[in-house]
Amino acid sequence: MTLIEDIFTRQDRYQPTEPIDCDPFREDDALFDAQLLDCRVCPTSNRAALLFEMRTAEQFPSGNGAILIAHGLQSFHWDGAPTHRPLMAFSVQEYEPSVRADGGVRLNLGFFPEGVLSIVADRADFHLLEVPGIPQAPPNYSERDLGQVLDELPWWSSPCTVLQSSTTSTA
């Protein structure tokens, strides 16, 4: 097992264990109802990562987490309405991937409640994860803070097993 954080920070290309059933780089709305938990942008390594809650995702019956890593980051833009709740699940309602022949990628995600994320990068990798020891259902966020729900979520410090992977890389 490896930590989710290690998948994001590793310098070499992660070797997938098995091809993915529903490829989020080739199928519109593949991430429908997945919940965006966190984003990381690392200018030093020129990459970004999106961490997803997958227990709510329609297209993925296995796996409880996922990480999407954009390499050679060119653009990362979040636009959302301010909320007055300490925690809120942002569920993917629209997902449009566009992959160029050279592996370059543009991803547009629309969320409920009001959020839009767009990413442009040289290539991207997606890994469906299994994080042991978390409940079968996502946590109830109402009247709780992040520290109170972390043990119930796939998080950067969570150990995980990569179940399936996909990439836009042509190499």
N, C-alpha and C. Protein backbone atom coordinates (compact mmCIF):
# COMPACT_ATOMS: atom_id res chain seq x y z
N MET A 1 0.84 -1.19 0.00
CA MET A 1 0.00 0.00 0.00
C MET A 1 0.88 1.25 0.00
N THR A 2 0.33 2.29 -0.55
CA THR A 2 1.02 3.57 -0.60
C THR A 2 0.08 4.65 -0.11
N LEU A 3 0.62 5.80 0.25
CA LEU A 3 -0.22 6.92 0.64
C LEU A 3 -0.70 7.67 -0.60
N ILE A 4 -1.89 8.23 -0.55
CA ILE A 4 -2.41 8.99 -1.68
C ILE A 4 -1.45 10.13 -2.01
N GLU A 5 -0.92 10.79 -0.99
CA GLU A 5 0.04 11.88 -1.19
C GLU A 5 1.23 11.42 -2.03
N ASP A 6 1.70 10.20 -1.80
CA ASP A 6 2.86 9.68 -2.53
C ASP A 6 2.56 9.49 -4.02
N ILE A 7 1.33 9.17 -4.35
CA ILE A 7 0.96 9.03 -5.76
C ILE A 7 1.08 10.40 -6.45
N PHE A 8 0.68 11.45 -5.74
CA PHE A 8 0.76 12.81 -6.29
C PHE A 8 2.20 13.30 -6.41
N THR A 9 3.04 13.02 -5.43
CA THR A 9 4.38 13.62 -5.40
C THR A 9 5.46 12.79 -6.09
N ARG A 10 5.18 11.56 -6.43
CA ARG A 10 6.24 10.74 -7.03
C ARG A 10 6.72 11.34 -8.35
N GLN A 11 8.00 11.23 -8.60
CA GLN A 11 8.61 11.82 -9.79
C GLN A 11 8.50 10.92 -11.02
N ASP A 12 8.55 9.62 -10.83
CA ASP A 12 8.43 8.72 -11.97
C ASP A 12 6.95 8.48 -12.26
N ARG A 13 6.67 7.95 -13.42
CA ARG A 13 5.29 7.68 -13.79
C ARG A 13 4.78 6.49 -13.00
N TYR A 14 3.59 6.65 -12.46
CA TYR A 14 2.98 5.56 -11.70
C TYR A 14 2.54 4.47 -12.66
N GLN A 15 2.91 3.27 -12.36
CA GLN A 15 2.56 2.15 -13.22
C GLN A 15 1.21 1.57 -12.80
N PRO A 16 0.21 1.67 -13.65
CA PRO A 16 -1.12 1.18 -13.29
C PRO A 16 -1.14 -0.34 -13.17
N THR A 17 -2.05 -0.82 -12.35
CA THR A 17 -2.18 -2.25 -12.16
C THR A 17 -3.15 -2.87 -13.16
N GLU A 18 -4.17 -2.13 -13.55
CA GLU A 18 -5.20 -2.66 -14.43
C GLU A 18 -5.87 -1.50 -15.17
N PRO A 19 -6.26 -1.69 -16.44
CA PRO A 19 -6.96 -0.61 -17.15
C PRO A 19 -8.31 -0.31 -16.48
N ILE A 20 -8.77 0.90 -16.69
CA ILE A 20 -10.00 1.34 -16.02
C ILE A 20 -11.22 0.98 -16.85
N ASP A 21 -12.31 0.64 -16.18
CA ASP A 21 -13.55 0.26 -16.88
C ASP A 21 -14.23 1.45 -17.53
N CYS A 22 -14.33 2.55 -16.81
CA CYS A 22 -14.98 3.77 -17.31
C CYS A 22 -13.91 4.85 -17.36
N ASP A 23 -13.39 5.14 -18.54
CA ASP A 23 -12.24 6.02 -18.68
C ASP A 23 -12.64 7.49 -18.61
N PRO A 24 -12.23 8.20 -17.55
CA PRO A 24 -12.64 9.60 -17.40
C PRO A 24 -11.98 10.56 -18.40
N PHE A 25 -11.04 10.09 -19.20
CA PHE A 25 -10.45 10.94 -20.23
C PHE A 25 -11.10 10.73 -21.59
N ARG A 26 -11.98 9.76 -21.67
CA ARG A 26 -12.60 9.46 -22.95
C ARG A 26 -14.12 9.46 -22.91
N GLU A 27 -14.69 9.57 -21.72
CA GLU A 27 -16.15 9.51 -21.59
C GLU A 27 -16.68 10.74 -20.86
N ASP A 28 -17.52 11.51 -21.54
CA ASP A 28 -18.17 12.65 -20.90
C ASP A 28 -18.98 12.14 -19.70
N ASP A 29 -18.99 12.93 -18.67
CA ASP A 29 -19.75 12.66 -17.45
C ASP A 29 -19.34 11.36 -16.74
N ALA A 30 -18.14 10.86 -17.02
CA ALA A 30 -17.66 9.66 -16.33
C ALA A 30 -17.56 9.89 -14.82
N LEU A 31 -17.32 11.12 -14.41
CA LEU A 31 -17.18 11.40 -12.97
C LEU A 31 -18.47 11.93 -12.34
N PHE A 32 -19.60 11.71 -13.01
CA PHE A 32 -20.88 12.20 -12.49
C PHE A 32 -21.12 11.71 -11.06
N ASP A 33 -21.44 12.63 -10.19
CA ASP A 33 -21.74 12.42 -8.78
C ASP A 33 -20.53 12.05 -7.91
N ALA A 34 -19.33 12.02 -8.49
CA ALA A 34 -18.14 11.96 -7.63
C ALA A 34 -18.06 13.29 -6.88
N GLN A 35 -17.52 13.27 -5.68
CA GLN A 35 -17.43 14.50 -4.90
C GLN A 35 -15.98 14.96 -4.83
N LEU A 36 -15.75 16.21 -5.16
CA LEU A 36 -14.41 16.79 -5.06
C LEU A 36 -14.12 17.08 -3.59
N LEU A 37 -13.08 16.44 -3.05
CA LEU A 37 -12.71 16.63 -1.65
C LEU A 37 -11.66 17.72 -1.47
N ASP A 38 -10.67 17.73 -2.37
CA ASP A 38 -9.56 18.67 -2.20
C ASP A 38 -8.81 18.79 -3.53
N CYS A 39 -8.08 19.88 -3.65
CA CYS A 39 -7.23 20.13 -4.81
C CYS A 39 -5.86 20.54 -4.29
N ARG A 40 -4.83 20.16 -5.02
CA ARG A 40 -3.48 20.62 -4.72
C ARG A 40 -2.84 21.10 -6.00
N VAL A 41 -2.17 22.22 -5.91
CA VAL A 41 -1.41 22.75 -7.04
C VAL A 41 0.03 22.91 -6.55
N CYS A 42 0.97 22.35 -7.29
CA CYS A 42 2.38 22.42 -6.93
C CYS A 42 3.14 23.08 -8.08
N PRO A 43 3.37 24.40 -8.00
CA PRO A 43 4.11 25.07 -9.06
C PRO A 43 5.52 24.53 -9.23
N THR A 44 6.14 24.09 -8.15
CA THR A 44 7.51 23.57 -8.22
C THR A 44 7.62 22.37 -9.17
N SER A 45 6.64 21.47 -9.10
CA SER A 45 6.67 20.30 -9.97
C SER A 45 5.74 20.45 -11.18
N ASN A 46 5.09 21.63 -11.29
CA ASN A 46 4.23 21.94 -12.43
C ASN A 46 3.11 20.92 -12.59
N ARG A 47 2.43 20.64 -11.47
CA ARG A 47 1.31 19.70 -11.53
C ARG A 47 0.22 20.09 -10.54
N ALA A 48 -0.93 19.49 -10.74
CA ALA A 48 -2.07 19.67 -9.84
C ALA A 48 -2.74 18.32 -9.65
N ALA A 49 -3.45 18.19 -8.54
CA ALA A 49 -4.18 16.95 -8.26
C ALA A 49 -5.56 17.27 -7.72
N LEU A 50 -6.51 16.45 -8.13
CA LEU A 50 -7.87 16.51 -7.61
C LEU A 50 -8.11 15.22 -6.85
N LEU A 51 -8.58 15.33 -5.62
CA LEU A 51 -8.89 14.16 -4.79
C LEU A 51 -10.40 14.01 -4.73
N PHE A 52 -10.89 12.83 -5.11
CA PHE A 52 -12.33 12.59 -5.19
C PHE A 52 -12.80 11.54 -4.20
N GLU A 53 -14.00 11.76 -3.73
CA GLU A 53 -14.81 10.78 -3.00
C GLU A 53 -15.57 10.01 -4.07
N MET A 54 -15.38 8.68 -4.14
CA MET A 54 -16.00 7.91 -5.21
C MET A 54 -17.16 7.02 -4.75
N ARG A 55 -17.47 7.03 -3.46
CA ARG A 55 -18.58 6.20 -2.98
C ARG A 55 -19.92 6.69 -3.51
N THR A 56 -19.96 7.90 -4.03
CA THR A 56 -21.19 8.48 -4.58
C THR A 56 -21.22 8.46 -6.10
N ALA A 57 -20.12 8.09 -6.74
CA ALA A 57 -19.99 8.16 -8.21
C ALA A 57 -20.81 7.07 -8.90
N GLU A 58 -21.59 7.47 -9.88
CA GLU A 58 -22.47 6.54 -10.59
C GLU A 58 -21.72 5.49 -11.40
N GLN A 59 -20.63 5.88 -12.06
CA GLN A 59 -19.95 5.01 -13.01
C GLN A 59 -18.90 4.08 -12.40
N PHE A 60 -18.67 4.18 -11.08
CA PHE A 60 -17.60 3.42 -10.46
C PHE A 60 -18.13 2.61 -9.28
N PRO A 61 -18.56 1.38 -9.52
CA PRO A 61 -19.09 0.56 -8.43
C PRO A 61 -18.01 0.09 -7.46
N SER A 62 -16.77 0.05 -7.90
CA SER A 62 -15.68 -0.32 -6.99
C SER A 62 -14.84 0.93 -6.72
N GLY A 63 -14.09 0.89 -5.65
CA GLY A 63 -13.26 2.02 -5.29
C GLY A 63 -14.01 3.03 -4.45
N ASN A 64 -13.31 3.62 -3.49
CA ASN A 64 -13.95 4.62 -2.65
C ASN A 64 -13.25 5.98 -2.73
N GLY A 65 -12.19 6.06 -3.52
CA GLY A 65 -11.48 7.32 -3.71
C GLY A 65 -10.84 7.33 -5.08
N ALA A 66 -10.40 8.50 -5.50
CA ALA A 66 -9.68 8.62 -6.78
C ALA A 66 -8.82 9.87 -6.73
N ILE A 67 -7.74 9.81 -7.49
CA ILE A 67 -6.88 10.99 -7.65
C ILE A 67 -6.65 11.19 -9.13
N LEU A 68 -6.84 12.43 -9.57
CA LEU A 68 -6.57 12.82 -10.94
C LEU A 68 -5.40 13.80 -10.88
N ILE A 69 -4.33 13.49 -11.60
CA ILE A 69 -3.12 14.31 -11.56
C ILE A 69 -2.87 14.90 -12.94
N ALA A 70 -2.76 16.22 -12.99
CA ALA A 70 -2.46 16.94 -14.22
C ALA A 70 -0.98 17.30 -14.21
N HIS A 71 -0.22 16.82 -15.19
CA HIS A 71 1.22 17.07 -15.31
C HIS A 71 1.46 18.12 -16.40
N GLY A 72 2.51 18.93 -16.24
CA GLY A 72 2.75 19.99 -17.22
C GLY A 72 1.61 20.99 -17.18
N LEU A 73 1.25 21.39 -15.98
CA LEU A 73 0.09 22.25 -15.76
C LEU A 73 0.23 23.58 -16.49
N GLN A 74 -0.78 23.92 -17.27
CA GLN A 74 -0.81 25.19 -18.00
C GLN A 74 -1.84 26.14 -17.40
N SER A 75 -2.94 25.58 -16.91
CA SER A 75 -4.01 26.41 -16.36
C SER A 75 -4.80 25.62 -15.34
N PHE A 76 -5.16 26.29 -14.24
CA PHE A 76 -6.00 25.72 -13.18
C PHE A 76 -6.89 26.85 -12.70
N HIS A 77 -8.21 26.70 -12.91
CA HIS A 77 -9.11 27.79 -12.56
C HIS A 77 -10.35 27.26 -11.85
N TRP A 78 -10.58 27.77 -10.63
CA TRP A 78 -11.78 27.45 -9.85
C TRP A 78 -12.64 28.70 -9.76
N ASP A 79 -13.93 28.53 -9.99
CA ASP A 79 -14.88 29.61 -9.85
C ASP A 79 -16.08 29.05 -9.10
N GLY A 80 -16.35 29.59 -7.92
CA GLY A 80 -17.46 29.09 -7.13
C GLY A 80 -18.07 30.17 -6.27
N ALA A 81 -19.30 29.93 -5.87
CA ALA A 81 -19.99 30.86 -4.99
C ALA A 81 -19.53 30.62 -3.55
N PRO A 82 -19.38 31.68 -2.76
CA PRO A 82 -19.00 31.50 -1.37
C PRO A 82 -20.11 30.78 -0.60
N THR A 83 -19.71 29.97 0.35
CA THR A 83 -20.68 29.26 1.18
C THR A 83 -20.52 29.72 2.63
N HIS A 84 -21.55 29.51 3.39
CA HIS A 84 -21.51 29.90 4.79
C HIS A 84 -21.55 28.68 5.70
N ARG A 85 -21.25 27.52 5.13
CA ARG A 85 -21.19 26.28 5.90
C ARG A 85 -19.73 25.87 6.01
N PRO A 86 -19.35 25.31 7.14
CA PRO A 86 -17.94 24.93 7.30
C PRO A 86 -17.48 23.85 6.32
N LEU A 87 -18.35 22.89 6.01
CA LEU A 87 -18.02 21.82 5.06
C LEU A 87 -19.18 21.64 4.09
N MET A 88 -18.83 21.32 2.85
CA MET A 88 -19.85 21.08 1.85
C MET A 88 -19.28 20.14 0.79
N ALA A 89 -20.10 19.19 0.39
CA ALA A 89 -19.70 18.29 -0.69
C ALA A 89 -20.00 18.96 -2.02
N PHE A 90 -18.99 19.01 -2.90
CA PHE A 90 -19.18 19.52 -4.26
C PHE A 90 -19.25 18.32 -5.19
N SER A 91 -20.44 18.02 -5.69
CA SER A 91 -20.67 16.85 -6.53
C SER A 91 -20.55 17.22 -8.01
N VAL A 92 -19.83 16.40 -8.76
CA VAL A 92 -19.67 16.62 -10.19
C VAL A 92 -21.03 16.40 -10.87
N GLN A 93 -21.49 17.42 -11.59
CA GLN A 93 -22.73 17.33 -12.34
C GLN A 93 -22.48 17.39 -13.84
N GLU A 94 -21.36 17.98 -14.23
CA GLU A 94 -20.95 18.04 -15.63
C GLU A 94 -19.46 17.75 -15.70
N TYR A 95 -19.09 16.94 -16.66
CA TYR A 95 -17.67 16.61 -16.83
C TYR A 95 -17.39 16.45 -18.31
N GLU A 96 -16.48 17.28 -18.81
CA GLU A 96 -16.13 17.25 -20.24
C GLU A 96 -14.62 17.17 -20.40
N PRO A 97 -14.11 15.99 -20.75
CA PRO A 97 -12.69 15.88 -21.05
C PRO A 97 -12.43 16.11 -22.54
N SER A 98 -11.30 16.68 -22.83
CA SER A 98 -10.88 16.85 -24.22
C SER A 98 -9.39 16.52 -24.28
N VAL A 99 -9.07 15.44 -24.99
CA VAL A 99 -7.68 14.98 -25.08
C VAL A 99 -7.18 15.17 -26.50
N ARG A 100 -6.02 15.84 -26.62
CA ARG A 100 -5.39 16.03 -27.93
C ARG A 100 -4.62 14.76 -28.33
N ALA A 101 -4.25 14.67 -29.57
CA ALA A 101 -3.50 13.51 -30.08
C ALA A 101 -2.16 13.34 -29.38
N ASP A 102 -1.55 14.44 -28.92
CA ASP A 102 -0.25 14.34 -28.25
C ASP A 102 -0.38 14.05 -26.75
N GLY A 103 -1.61 13.82 -26.26
CA GLY A 103 -1.83 13.51 -24.84
C GLY A 103 -2.20 14.71 -24.00
N GLY A 104 -2.11 15.91 -24.58
CA GLY A 104 -2.52 17.10 -23.85
C GLY A 104 -4.00 17.02 -23.50
N VAL A 105 -4.39 17.69 -22.42
CA VAL A 105 -5.76 17.53 -21.94
C VAL A 105 -6.34 18.85 -21.45
N ARG A 106 -7.64 19.01 -21.67
CA ARG A 106 -8.44 20.09 -21.08
C ARG A 106 -9.61 19.40 -20.38
N LEU A 107 -9.79 19.72 -19.11
CA LEU A 107 -10.89 19.15 -18.34
C LEU A 107 -11.77 20.28 -17.83
N ASN A 108 -13.07 20.14 -18.03
CA ASN A 108 -14.04 21.10 -17.52
C ASN A 108 -15.02 20.36 -16.63
N LEU A 109 -15.12 20.80 -15.39
CA LEU A 109 -16.00 20.16 -14.42
C LEU A 109 -16.98 21.19 -13.87
N GLY A 110 -18.25 20.82 -13.81
CA GLY A 110 -19.28 21.65 -13.20
C GLY A 110 -19.80 20.94 -11.97
N PHE A 111 -19.98 21.68 -10.88
CA PHE A 111 -20.34 21.08 -9.59
C PHE A 111 -21.66 21.63 -9.06
N PHE A 112 -22.30 20.84 -8.23
CA PHE A 112 -23.40 21.29 -7.39
C PHE A 112 -22.91 21.24 -5.96
N PRO A 113 -23.07 22.30 -5.21
CA PRO A 113 -23.61 23.61 -5.58
C PRO A 113 -22.56 24.44 -6.31
N GLU A 114 -23.01 25.38 -7.05
CA GLU A 114 -22.26 26.31 -7.88
C GLU A 114 -20.74 26.25 -7.78
N GLY A 115 -20.13 25.54 -8.69
CA GLY A 115 -18.69 25.52 -8.81
C GLY A 115 -18.29 25.07 -10.19
N VAL A 116 -17.23 25.65 -10.71
CA VAL A 116 -16.71 25.27 -12.02
C VAL A 116 -15.19 25.20 -11.89
N LEU A 117 -14.61 24.13 -12.41
CA LEU A 117 -13.17 23.94 -12.39
C LEU A 117 -12.72 23.61 -13.80
N SER A 118 -11.67 24.27 -14.25
CA SER A 118 -11.09 23.92 -15.55
C SER A 118 -9.58 23.77 -15.40
N ILE A 119 -9.06 22.78 -16.11
CA ILE A 119 -7.64 22.44 -16.05
C ILE A 119 -7.15 22.21 -17.47
N VAL A 120 -5.96 22.73 -17.78
CA VAL A 120 -5.29 22.44 -19.04
C VAL A 120 -3.89 21.98 -18.68
N ALA A 121 -3.47 20.85 -19.27
CA ALA A 121 -2.16 20.28 -18.93
C ALA A 121 -1.60 19.49 -20.10
N ASP A 122 -0.30 19.18 -20.03
CA ASP A 122 0.36 18.38 -21.06
C ASP A 122 -0.13 16.93 -21.06
N ARG A 123 -0.45 16.41 -19.88
CA ARG A 123 -0.99 15.05 -19.77
C ARG A 123 -1.65 14.91 -18.41
N ALA A 124 -2.43 13.85 -18.25
CA ALA A 124 -3.09 13.61 -16.97
C ALA A 124 -3.20 12.11 -16.71
N ASP A 125 -3.21 11.76 -15.43
CA ASP A 125 -3.37 10.39 -14.98
C ASP A 125 -4.54 10.34 -14.00
N PHE A 126 -5.29 9.26 -14.04
CA PHE A 126 -6.41 9.04 -13.13
C PHE A 126 -6.22 7.68 -12.47
N HIS A 127 -6.36 7.63 -11.16
CA HIS A 127 -6.22 6.37 -10.41
C HIS A 127 -7.43 6.17 -9.52
N LEU A 128 -8.13 5.07 -9.72
CA LEU A 128 -9.23 4.66 -8.85
C LEU A 128 -8.62 3.92 -7.66
N LEU A 129 -9.02 4.33 -6.46
CA LEU A 129 -8.36 3.85 -5.24
C LEU A 129 -9.31 3.11 -4.31
N GLU A 130 -8.74 2.25 -3.51
CA GLU A 130 -9.45 1.63 -2.39
C GLU A 130 -8.70 2.01 -1.13
N VAL A 131 -9.38 2.77 -0.27
CA VAL A 131 -8.81 3.19 1.02
C VAL A 131 -9.44 2.30 2.09
N PRO A 132 -8.63 1.48 2.78
CA PRO A 132 -9.20 0.59 3.79
C PRO A 132 -9.62 1.35 5.05
N GLY A 133 -10.62 0.79 5.72
CA GLY A 133 -10.99 1.30 7.04
C GLY A 133 -11.93 2.49 7.07
N ILE A 134 -12.45 2.91 5.91
CA ILE A 134 -13.43 3.99 5.95
C ILE A 134 -14.82 3.38 5.73
N PRO A 135 -15.86 4.03 6.25
CA PRO A 135 -17.22 3.49 6.11
C PRO A 135 -17.65 3.35 4.65
N GLN A 136 -18.72 2.57 4.43
CA GLN A 136 -19.22 2.39 3.07
C GLN A 136 -19.91 3.62 2.51
N ALA A 137 -20.38 4.50 3.38
CA ALA A 137 -21.04 5.73 2.95
C ALA A 137 -20.20 6.94 3.35
N PRO A 138 -20.27 8.01 2.58
CA PRO A 138 -19.55 9.24 2.95
C PRO A 138 -20.09 9.81 4.27
N PRO A 139 -19.31 10.64 4.92
CA PRO A 139 -19.76 11.20 6.19
C PRO A 139 -20.84 12.26 6.02
N ASN A 140 -21.54 12.51 7.10
CA ASN A 140 -22.49 13.61 7.17
C ASN A 140 -21.68 14.85 7.55
N TYR A 141 -21.68 15.84 6.69
CA TYR A 141 -20.86 17.02 6.91
C TYR A 141 -21.52 18.06 7.81
N SER A 142 -22.82 17.95 8.03
CA SER A 142 -23.52 19.01 8.75
C SER A 142 -23.00 19.16 10.18
N GLU A 143 -22.73 20.39 10.51
CA GLU A 143 -22.28 20.79 11.85
C GLU A 143 -21.03 20.04 12.32
N ARG A 144 -20.15 19.71 11.38
CA ARG A 144 -18.88 19.08 11.71
C ARG A 144 -17.78 19.86 10.99
N ASP A 145 -16.55 19.74 11.52
CA ASP A 145 -15.44 20.38 10.82
C ASP A 145 -14.58 19.30 10.17
N LEU A 146 -13.61 19.73 9.39
CA LEU A 146 -12.80 18.78 8.62
C LEU A 146 -12.10 17.76 9.51
N GLY A 147 -11.57 18.20 10.62
CA GLY A 147 -10.89 17.28 11.53
C GLY A 147 -11.79 16.16 12.04
N GLN A 148 -13.09 16.42 12.11
CA GLN A 148 -14.03 15.41 12.61
C GLN A 148 -14.44 14.39 11.55
N VAL A 149 -14.18 14.65 10.28
CA VAL A 149 -14.59 13.72 9.24
C VAL A 149 -13.43 13.06 8.49
N LEU A 150 -12.20 13.51 8.74
CA LEU A 150 -11.06 12.98 7.97
C LEU A 150 -10.91 11.47 8.05
N ASP A 151 -11.21 10.87 9.19
CA ASP A 151 -11.09 9.42 9.32
C ASP A 151 -12.13 8.67 8.49
N GLU A 152 -13.12 9.39 7.96
CA GLU A 152 -14.18 8.78 7.17
C GLU A 152 -14.03 9.04 5.68
N LEU A 153 -12.93 9.69 5.30
CA LEU A 153 -12.71 10.09 3.91
C LEU A 153 -11.41 9.53 3.34
N PRO A 154 -11.36 9.36 2.00
CA PRO A 154 -10.05 9.17 1.37
C PRO A 154 -9.33 10.52 1.48
N TRP A 155 -8.15 10.55 2.06
CA TRP A 155 -7.43 11.81 2.24
C TRP A 155 -5.97 11.61 1.88
N TRP A 156 -5.24 12.69 1.72
CA TRP A 156 -3.84 12.65 1.29
C TRP A 156 -3.00 11.71 2.14
N SER A 157 -3.28 11.63 3.42
CA SER A 157 -2.50 10.79 4.33
C SER A 157 -3.03 9.36 4.42
N SER A 158 -4.07 9.04 3.64
CA SER A 158 -4.67 7.70 3.67
C SER A 158 -3.81 6.69 2.92
N PRO A 159 -3.61 5.51 3.51
CA PRO A 159 -3.01 4.43 2.73
C PRO A 159 -4.04 3.94 1.72
N CYS A 160 -3.58 3.47 0.57
CA CYS A 160 -4.52 3.04 -0.46
C CYS A 160 -3.90 1.98 -1.36
N THR A 161 -4.78 1.33 -2.09
CA THR A 161 -4.39 0.42 -3.15
C THR A 161 -4.97 0.98 -4.44
N VAL A 162 -4.16 1.04 -5.49
CA VAL A 162 -4.64 1.49 -6.80
C VAL A 162 -5.34 0.31 -7.45
N LEU A 163 -6.63 0.49 -7.77
CA LEU A 163 -7.42 -0.57 -8.38
C LEU A 163 -7.31 -0.55 -9.90
N GLN A 164 -7.47 0.64 -10.49
CA GLN A 164 -7.44 0.81 -11.94
C GLN A 164 -6.89 2.19 -12.26
N SER A 165 -6.36 2.34 -13.46
CA SER A 165 -5.77 3.61 -13.86
C SER A 165 -6.01 3.91 -15.32
N SER A 166 -5.87 5.20 -15.65
CA SER A 166 -5.95 5.65 -17.02
C SER A 166 -5.00 6.83 -17.18
N THR A 167 -4.54 7.07 -18.40
CA THR A 167 -3.65 8.19 -18.67
C THR A 167 -3.95 8.77 -20.04
N THR A 168 -3.59 10.02 -20.23
CA THR A 168 -3.68 10.62 -21.56
C THR A 168 -2.37 10.52 -22.30
N SER A 169 -1.34 10.05 -21.61
CA SER A 169 0.01 9.98 -22.18
C SER A 169 0.03 9.06 -23.40
N THR A 170 0.76 9.49 -24.40
CA THR A 170 0.91 8.67 -25.60
C THR A 170 2.23 7.89 -25.57
N ALA A 171 3.07 8.15 -24.59
CA ALA A 171 4.37 7.48 -24.49
C ALA A 171 4.28 6.19 -23.70
